Amino acid sequence: VHKKVPVLLHHGKPIAESLVILEYIEE
């Protein structure tokens, strides 16, 4: 979609956008 870093892969599932990733890590 955005073709930008960062992208977090967890169990092969991608999460994009840094603030979204931070929320995912927290949860």
PDB file of all heavy atoms in Angstrom:
ATOM      1  N   VAL A   1       0.832  -1.205   0.000  1.00  0.00           N
ATOM      2  CA  VAL A   1       0.000   0.000   0.000  1.00  0.00           C
ATOM      3  C   VAL A   1       0.868   1.258   0.000  1.00  0.00           C
ATOM      4  O   VAL A   1       0.819   2.077  -0.912  1.00  0.00           O
ATOM      5  CB  VAL A   1      -0.959   0.010   1.202  1.00  0.00           C
ATOM      6  CG1 VAL A   1      -1.766   1.313   1.234  1.00  0.00           C
ATOM      7  CG2 VAL A   1      -1.898  -1.183   1.132  1.00  0.00           C
ATOM      8  N   HIS A   2       1.709   1.416   1.037  1.00  0.00           N
ATOM      9  CA  HIS A   2       2.534   2.617   1.155  1.00  0.00           C
ATOM     10  C   HIS A   2       3.969   2.411   0.649  1.00  0.00           C
ATOM     11  O   HIS A   2       4.666   3.385   0.371  1.00  0.00           O
ATOM     12  CB  HIS A   2       2.573   3.097   2.605  1.00  0.00           C
ATOM     13  CG  HIS A   2       1.238   3.575   3.105  1.00  0.00           C
ATOM     14  ND1 HIS A   2       0.544   4.598   2.507  1.00  0.00           N
ATOM     15  CD2 HIS A   2       0.469   3.158   4.140  1.00  0.00           C
ATOM     16  CE1 HIS A   2      -0.586   4.801   3.155  1.00  0.00           C
ATOM     17  NE2 HIS A   2      -0.669   3.943   4.150  1.00  0.00           N
ATOM     18  N   LYS A   3       4.398   1.148   0.601  1.00  0.00           N
ATOM     19  CA  LYS A   3       5.753   0.825   0.107  1.00  0.00           C
ATOM     20  C   LYS A   3       6.824   1.545   0.920  1.00  0.00           C
ATOM     21  O   LYS A   3       7.817   2.025   0.390  1.00  0.00           O
ATOM     22  CB  LYS A   3       5.886   1.186  -1.380  1.00  0.00           C
ATOM     23  CG  LYS A   3       4.836   0.536  -2.284  1.00  0.00           C
ATOM     24  CD  LYS A   3       4.989   1.008  -3.714  1.00  0.00           C
ATOM     25  CE  LYS A   3       4.001   0.329  -4.649  1.00  0.00           C
ATOM     26  NZ  LYS A   3       2.599   0.671  -4.352  1.00  0.00           N
ATOM     27  N   LYS A   4       6.622   1.601   2.253  1.00  0.00           N
ATOM     28  CA  LYS A   4       7.555   2.304   3.128  1.00  0.00           C
ATOM     29  C   LYS A   4       7.996   1.413   4.285  1.00  0.00           C
ATOM     30  O   LYS A   4       7.302   0.476   4.654  1.00  0.00           O
ATOM     31  CB  LYS A   4       6.898   3.572   3.699  1.00  0.00           C
ATOM     32  CG  LYS A   4       6.503   4.624   2.682  1.00  0.00           C
ATOM     33  CD  LYS A   4       6.070   5.913   3.356  1.00  0.00           C
ATOM     34  CE  LYS A   4       4.901   5.714   4.305  1.00  0.00           C
ATOM     35  NZ  LYS A   4       4.431   6.987   4.882  1.00  0.00           N
ATOM     36  N   VAL A   5       9.149   1.750   4.844  1.00  0.00           N
ATOM     37  CA  VAL A   5       9.601   1.153   6.103  1.00  0.00           C
ATOM     38  C   VAL A   5       9.134   2.072   7.229  1.00  0.00           C
ATOM     39  O   VAL A   5       8.892   3.266   7.014  1.00  0.00           O
ATOM     40  CB  VAL A   5      11.138   1.006   6.118  1.00  0.00           C
ATOM     41  CG1 VAL A   5      11.589  -0.035   5.124  1.00  0.00           C
ATOM     42  CG2 VAL A   5      11.840   2.333   5.855  1.00  0.00           C
ATOM     43  N   PRO A   6       8.985   1.502   8.445  1.00  0.00           N
ATOM     44  CA  PRO A   6       9.254   0.131   8.862  1.00  0.00           C
ATOM     45  C   PRO A   6       8.078  -0.799   8.606  1.00  0.00           C
ATOM     46  O   PRO A   6       6.926  -0.363   8.517  1.00  0.00           O
ATOM     47  CB  PRO A   6       9.488   0.281  10.363  1.00  0.00           C
ATOM     48  CG  PRO A   6       8.576   1.421  10.753  1.00  0.00           C
ATOM     49  CD  PRO A   6       8.622   2.372   9.598  1.00  0.00           C
ATOM     50  N   VAL A   7       8.410  -2.098   8.529  1.00  0.00           N
ATOM     51  CA  VAL A   7       7.398  -3.144   8.502  1.00  0.00           C
ATOM     52  C   VAL A   7       7.824  -4.204   9.513  1.00  0.00           C
ATOM     53  O   VAL A   7       8.959  -4.691   9.456  1.00  0.00           O
ATOM     54  CB  VAL A   7       7.257  -3.787   7.112  1.00  0.00           C
ATOM     55  CG1 VAL A   7       6.230  -4.917   7.160  1.00  0.00           C
ATOM     56  CG2 VAL A   7       6.858  -2.756   6.066  1.00  0.00           C
ATOM     57  N   LEU A   8       6.947  -4.527  10.439  1.00  0.00           N
ATOM     58  CA  LEU A   8       7.214  -5.578  11.416  1.00  0.00           C
ATOM     59  C   LEU A   8       6.555  -6.858  10.938  1.00  0.00           C
ATOM     60  O   LEU A   8       5.388  -6.852  10.543  1.00  0.00           O
ATOM     61  CB  LEU A   8       6.652  -5.196  12.788  1.00  0.00           C
ATOM     62  CG  LEU A   8       6.979  -6.162  13.935  1.00  0.00           C
ATOM     63  CD1 LEU A   8       8.416  -5.988  14.385  1.00  0.00           C
ATOM     64  CD2 LEU A   8       6.019  -5.954  15.110  1.00  0.00           C
ATOM     65  N   LEU A   9       7.313  -7.952  10.942  1.00  0.00           N
ATOM     66  CA  LEU A   9       6.764  -9.267  10.608  1.00  0.00           C
ATOM     67  C   LEU A   9       6.733 -10.109  11.878  1.00  0.00           C
ATOM     68  O   LEU A   9       7.761 -10.319  12.523  1.00  0.00           O
ATOM     69  CB  LEU A   9       7.634  -9.963   9.553  1.00  0.00           C
ATOM     70  CG  LEU A   9       7.744  -9.291   8.183  1.00  0.00           C
ATOM     71  CD1 LEU A   9       8.712 -10.059   7.294  1.00  0.00           C
ATOM     72  CD2 LEU A   9       6.378  -9.196   7.527  1.00  0.00           C
ATOM     73  N   HIS A  10       5.546 -10.587  12.244  1.00  0.00           N
ATOM     74  CA  HIS A  10       5.394 -11.444  13.416  1.00  0.00           C
ATOM     75  C   HIS A  10       4.626 -12.687  12.985  1.00  0.00           C
ATOM     76  O   HIS A  10       3.473 -12.566  12.538  1.00  0.00           O
ATOM     77  CB  HIS A  10       4.656 -10.703  14.527  1.00  0.00           C
ATOM     78  CG  HIS A  10       4.611 -11.459  15.813  1.00  0.00           C
ATOM     79  ND1 HIS A  10       3.600 -11.311  16.731  1.00  0.00           N
ATOM     80  CD2 HIS A  10       5.464 -12.388  16.344  1.00  0.00           C
ATOM     81  CE1 HIS A  10       3.823 -12.097  17.757  1.00  0.00           C
ATOM     82  NE2 HIS A  10       4.936 -12.766  17.549  1.00  0.00           N
ATOM     83  N   HIS A  11       5.261 -13.835  13.091  1.00  0.00           N
ATOM     84  CA  HIS A  11       4.672 -15.068  12.562  1.00  0.00           C
ATOM     85  C   HIS A  11       4.363 -14.922  11.066  1.00  0.00           C
ATOM     86  O   HIS A  11       3.385 -15.488  10.576  1.00  0.00           O
ATOM     87  CB  HIS A  11       3.393 -15.445  13.310  1.00  0.00           C
ATOM     88  CG  HIS A  11       3.603 -15.810  14.748  1.00  0.00           C
ATOM     89  ND1 HIS A  11       4.418 -16.850  15.148  1.00  0.00           N
ATOM     90  CD2 HIS A  11       3.096 -15.268  15.875  1.00  0.00           C
ATOM     91  CE1 HIS A  11       4.393 -16.934  16.472  1.00  0.00           C
ATOM     92  NE2 HIS A  11       3.618 -15.979  16.928  1.00  0.00           N
ATOM     93  N   GLY A  12       5.170 -14.127  10.362  1.00  0.00           N
ATOM     94  CA  GLY A  12       4.972 -13.944   8.934  1.00  0.00           C
ATOM     95  C   GLY A  12       3.894 -12.947   8.569  1.00  0.00           C
ATOM     96  O   GLY A  12       3.664 -12.679   7.392  1.00  0.00           O
ATOM     97  N   LYS A  13       3.213 -12.374   9.582  1.00  0.00           N
ATOM     98  CA  LYS A  13       2.157 -11.398   9.317  1.00  0.00           C
ATOM     99  C   LYS A  13       2.723  -9.983   9.419  1.00  0.00           C
ATOM    100  O   LYS A  13       3.345  -9.640  10.424  1.00  0.00           O
ATOM    101  CB  LYS A  13       1.010 -11.575  10.310  1.00  0.00           C
ATOM    102  CG  LYS A  13       0.311 -12.925  10.217  1.00  0.00           C
ATOM    103  CD  LYS A  13      -0.783 -13.049  11.263  1.00  0.00           C
ATOM    104  CE  LYS A  13      -1.487 -14.405  11.172  1.00  0.00           C
ATOM    105  NZ  LYS A  13      -2.529 -14.559  12.214  1.00  0.00           N
ATOM    106  N   PRO A  14       2.501  -9.144   8.395  1.00  0.00           N
ATOM    107  CA  PRO A  14       3.097  -7.805   8.390  1.00  0.00           C
ATOM    108  C   PRO A  14       2.235  -6.756   9.096  1.00  0.00           C
ATOM    109  O   PRO A  14       1.010  -6.770   9.016  1.00  0.00           O
ATOM    110  CB  PRO A  14       3.196  -7.490   6.897  1.00  0.00           C
ATOM    111  CG  PRO A  14       2.044  -8.228   6.285  1.00  0.00           C
ATOM    112  CD  PRO A  14       1.856  -9.473   7.103  1.00  0.00           C
ATOM    113  N   ILE A  15       2.908  -5.837   9.780  1.00  0.00           N
ATOM    114  CA  ILE A  15       2.269  -4.658  10.359  1.00  0.00           C
ATOM    115  C   ILE A  15       3.088  -3.459   9.898  1.00  0.00           C
ATOM    116  O   ILE A  15       4.312  -3.428  10.058  1.00  0.00           O
ATOM    117  CB  ILE A  15       2.225  -4.687  11.899  1.00  0.00           C
ATOM    118  CG1 ILE A  15       1.553  -5.970  12.404  1.00  0.00           C
ATOM    119  CG2 ILE A  15       1.486  -3.475  12.450  1.00  0.00           C
ATOM    120  CD1 ILE A  15       2.505  -7.045  12.810  1.00  0.00           C
ATOM    121  N   ALA A  16       2.414  -2.463   9.312  1.00  0.00           N
ATOM    122  CA  ALA A  16       3.096  -1.282   8.787  1.00  0.00           C
ATOM    123  C   ALA A  16       2.696  -0.033   9.572  1.00  0.00           C
ATOM    124  O   ALA A  16       1.719  -0.044  10.336  1.00  0.00           O
ATOM    125  CB  ALA A  16       2.765  -1.106   7.305  1.00  0.00           C
ATOM    126  N   GLU A  17       3.462   1.033   9.359  1.00  0.00           N
ATOM    127  CA  GLU A  17       3.284   2.335  10.007  1.00  0.00           C
ATOM    128  C   GLU A  17       3.780   2.269  11.458  1.00  0.00           C
ATOM    129  O   GLU A  17       3.276   1.483  12.260  1.00  0.00           O
ATOM    130  CB  GLU A  17       1.840   2.821   9.954  1.00  0.00           C
ATOM    131  CG  GLU A  17       1.320   3.046   8.538  1.00  0.00           C
ATOM    132  CD  GLU A  17       2.080   4.124   7.791  1.00  0.00           C
ATOM    133  OE1 GLU A  17       2.197   5.255   8.306  1.00  0.00           O
ATOM    134  OE2 GLU A  17       2.587   3.834   6.688  1.00  0.00           O
ATOM    135  N   SER A  18       4.733   3.149  11.782  1.00  0.00           N
ATOM    136  CA  SER A  18       5.443   3.024  13.056  1.00  0.00           C
ATOM    137  C   SER A  18       4.536   3.128  14.284  1.00  0.00           C
ATOM    138  O   SER A  18       4.699   2.359  15.240  1.00  0.00           O
ATOM    139  CB  SER A  18       6.563   4.067  13.144  1.00  0.00           C
ATOM    140  OG  SER A  18       6.043   5.381  13.168  1.00  0.00           O
ATOM    141  N   LEU A  19       3.578   4.049  14.301  1.00  0.00           N
ATOM    142  CA  LEU A  19       2.707   4.159  15.472  1.00  0.00           C
ATOM    143  C   LEU A  19       1.816   2.936  15.636  1.00  0.00           C
ATOM    144  O   LEU A  19       1.559   2.488  16.752  1.00  0.00           O
ATOM    145  CB  LEU A  19       1.849   5.429  15.386  1.00  0.00           C
ATOM    146  CG  LEU A  19       2.576   6.760  15.528  1.00  0.00           C
ATOM    147  CD1 LEU A  19       1.584   7.918  15.490  1.00  0.00           C
ATOM    148  CD2 LEU A  19       3.406   6.820  16.812  1.00  0.00           C
ATOM    149  N   VAL A  20       1.359   2.403  14.517  1.00  0.00           N
ATOM    150  CA  VAL A  20       0.559   1.174  14.561  1.00  0.00           C
ATOM    151  C   VAL A  20       1.410   0.018  15.088  1.00  0.00           C
ATOM    152  O   VAL A  20       0.948  -0.793  15.903  1.00  0.00           O
ATOM    153  CB  VAL A  20      -0.003   0.839  13.165  1.00  0.00           C
ATOM    154  CG1 VAL A  20      -0.769  -0.478  13.189  1.00  0.00           C
ATOM    155  CG2 VAL A  20      -0.904   1.958  12.657  1.00  0.00           C
ATOM    156  N   ILE A  21       2.654  -0.038  14.639  1.00  0.00           N
ATOM    157  CA  ILE A  21       3.565  -1.093  15.094  1.00  0.00           C
ATOM    158  C   ILE A  21       3.817  -0.972  16.600  1.00  0.00           C
ATOM    159  O   ILE A  21       3.828  -1.976  17.330  1.00  0.00           O
ATOM    160  CB  ILE A  21       4.894  -1.043  14.323  1.00  0.00           C
ATOM    161  CG1 ILE A  21       4.658  -1.354  12.836  1.00  0.00           C
ATOM    162  CG2 ILE A  21       5.901  -2.029  14.904  1.00  0.00           C
ATOM    163  CD1 ILE A  21       5.877  -1.130  11.960  1.00  0.00           C
ATOM    164  N   LEU A  22       4.011   0.257  17.072  1.00  0.00           N
ATOM    165  CA  LEU A  22       4.237   0.457  18.508  1.00  0.00           C
ATOM    166  C   LEU A  22       3.051  -0.036  19.324  1.00  0.00           C
ATOM    167  O   LEU A  22       3.215  -0.661  20.378  1.00  0.00           O
ATOM    168  CB  LEU A  22       4.505   1.932  18.805  1.00  0.00           C
ATOM    169  CG  LEU A  22       5.813   2.530  18.300  1.00  0.00           C
ATOM    170  CD1 LEU A  22       5.925   3.988  18.731  1.00  0.00           C
ATOM    171  CD2 LEU A  22       7.019   1.740  18.777  1.00  0.00           C
ATOM    172  N   GLU A  23       1.849   0.256  18.849  1.00  0.00           N
ATOM    173  CA  GLU A  23       0.650  -0.214  19.545  1.00  0.00           C
ATOM    174  C   GLU A  23       0.589  -1.745  19.536  1.00  0.00           C
ATOM    175  O   GLU A  23       0.220  -2.372  20.539  1.00  0.00           O
ATOM    176  CB  GLU A  23      -0.602   0.355  18.864  1.00  0.00           C
ATOM    177  CG  GLU A  23      -0.749   1.862  18.998  1.00  0.00           C
ATOM    178  CD  GLU A  23      -1.633   2.269  20.153  1.00  0.00           C
ATOM    179  OE1 GLU A  23      -2.014   1.412  20.963  1.00  0.00           O
ATOM    180  OE2 GLU A  23      -1.946   3.475  20.238  1.00  0.00           O
ATOM    181  N   TYR A  24       0.947  -2.341  18.415  1.00  0.00           N
ATOM    182  CA  TYR A  24       0.938  -3.805  18.313  1.00  0.00           C
ATOM    183  C   TYR A  24       1.942  -4.419  19.288  1.00  0.00           C
ATOM    184  O   TYR A  24       1.644  -5.404  19.971  1.00  0.00           O
ATOM    185  CB  TYR A  24       1.272  -4.229  16.883  1.00  0.00           C
ATOM    186  CG  TYR A  24       1.301  -5.727  16.685  1.00  0.00           C
ATOM    187  CD1 TYR A  24       0.126  -6.441  16.442  1.00  0.00           C
ATOM    188  CD2 TYR A  24       2.497  -6.443  16.760  1.00  0.00           C
ATOM    189  CE1 TYR A  24       0.142  -7.818  16.286  1.00  0.00           C
ATOM    190  CE2 TYR A  24       2.525  -7.819  16.596  1.00  0.00           C
ATOM    191  CZ  TYR A  24       1.352  -8.500  16.354  1.00  0.00           C
ATOM    192  OH  TYR A  24       1.370  -9.871  16.197  1.00  0.00           O
ATOM    193  N   ILE A  25       3.117  -3.845  19.352  1.00  0.00           N
ATOM    194  CA  ILE A  25       4.145  -4.338  20.277  1.00  0.00           C
ATOM    195  C   ILE A  25       3.663  -4.233  21.718  1.00  0.00           C
ATOM    196  O   ILE A  25       3.828  -5.156  22.526  1.00  0.00           O
ATOM    197  CB  ILE A  25       5.460  -3.543  20.089  1.00  0.00           C
ATOM    198  CG1 ILE A  25       6.091  -3.881  18.731  1.00  0.00           C
ATOM    199  CG2 ILE A  25       6.450  -3.834  21.214  1.00  0.00           C
ATOM    200  CD1 ILE A  25       7.253  -2.990  18.355  1.00  0.00           C
ATOM    201  N   GLU A  26       3.036  -3.108  22.039  1.00  0.00           N
ATOM    202  CA  GLU A  26       2.522  -2.894  23.392  1.00  0.00           C
ATOM    203  C   GLU A  26       1.463  -3.926  23.761  1.00  0.00           C
ATOM    204  O   GLU A  26       1.430  -4.435  24.882  1.00  0.00           O
ATOM    205  CB  GLU A  26       1.952  -1.470  23.503  1.00  0.00           C
ATOM    206  CG  GLU A  26       1.258  -1.146  24.810  1.00  0.00           C
ATOM    207  CD  GLU A  26       2.212  -0.924  25.974  1.00  0.00           C
ATOM    208  OE1 GLU A  26       3.393  -1.334  25.891  1.00  0.00           O
ATOM    209  OE2 GLU A  26       1.767  -0.366  26.986  1.00  0.00           O
ATOM    210  N   GLU A  27       0.585  -4.243  22.822  1.00  0.00           N
ATOM    211  CA  GLU A  27      -0.506  -5.172  23.101  1.00  0.00           C
ATOM    212  C   GLU A  27      -0.068  -6.635  23.075  1.00  0.00           C
ATOM    213  O   GLU A  27      -0.676  -7.477  23.730  1.00  0.00           O
ATOM    214  CB  GLU A  27      -1.634  -4.955  22.082  1.00  0.00           C
ATOM    215  CG  GLU A  27      -2.328  -3.606  22.221  1.00  0.00           C
ATOM    216  CD  GLU A  27      -3.312  -3.343  21.109  1.00  0.00           C
ATOM    217  OE1 GLU A  27      -3.536  -4.244  20.272  1.00  0.00           O
ATOM    218  OE2 GLU A  27      -3.861  -2.225  21.052  1.00  0.00           O
TER     219      GLU A  27
END
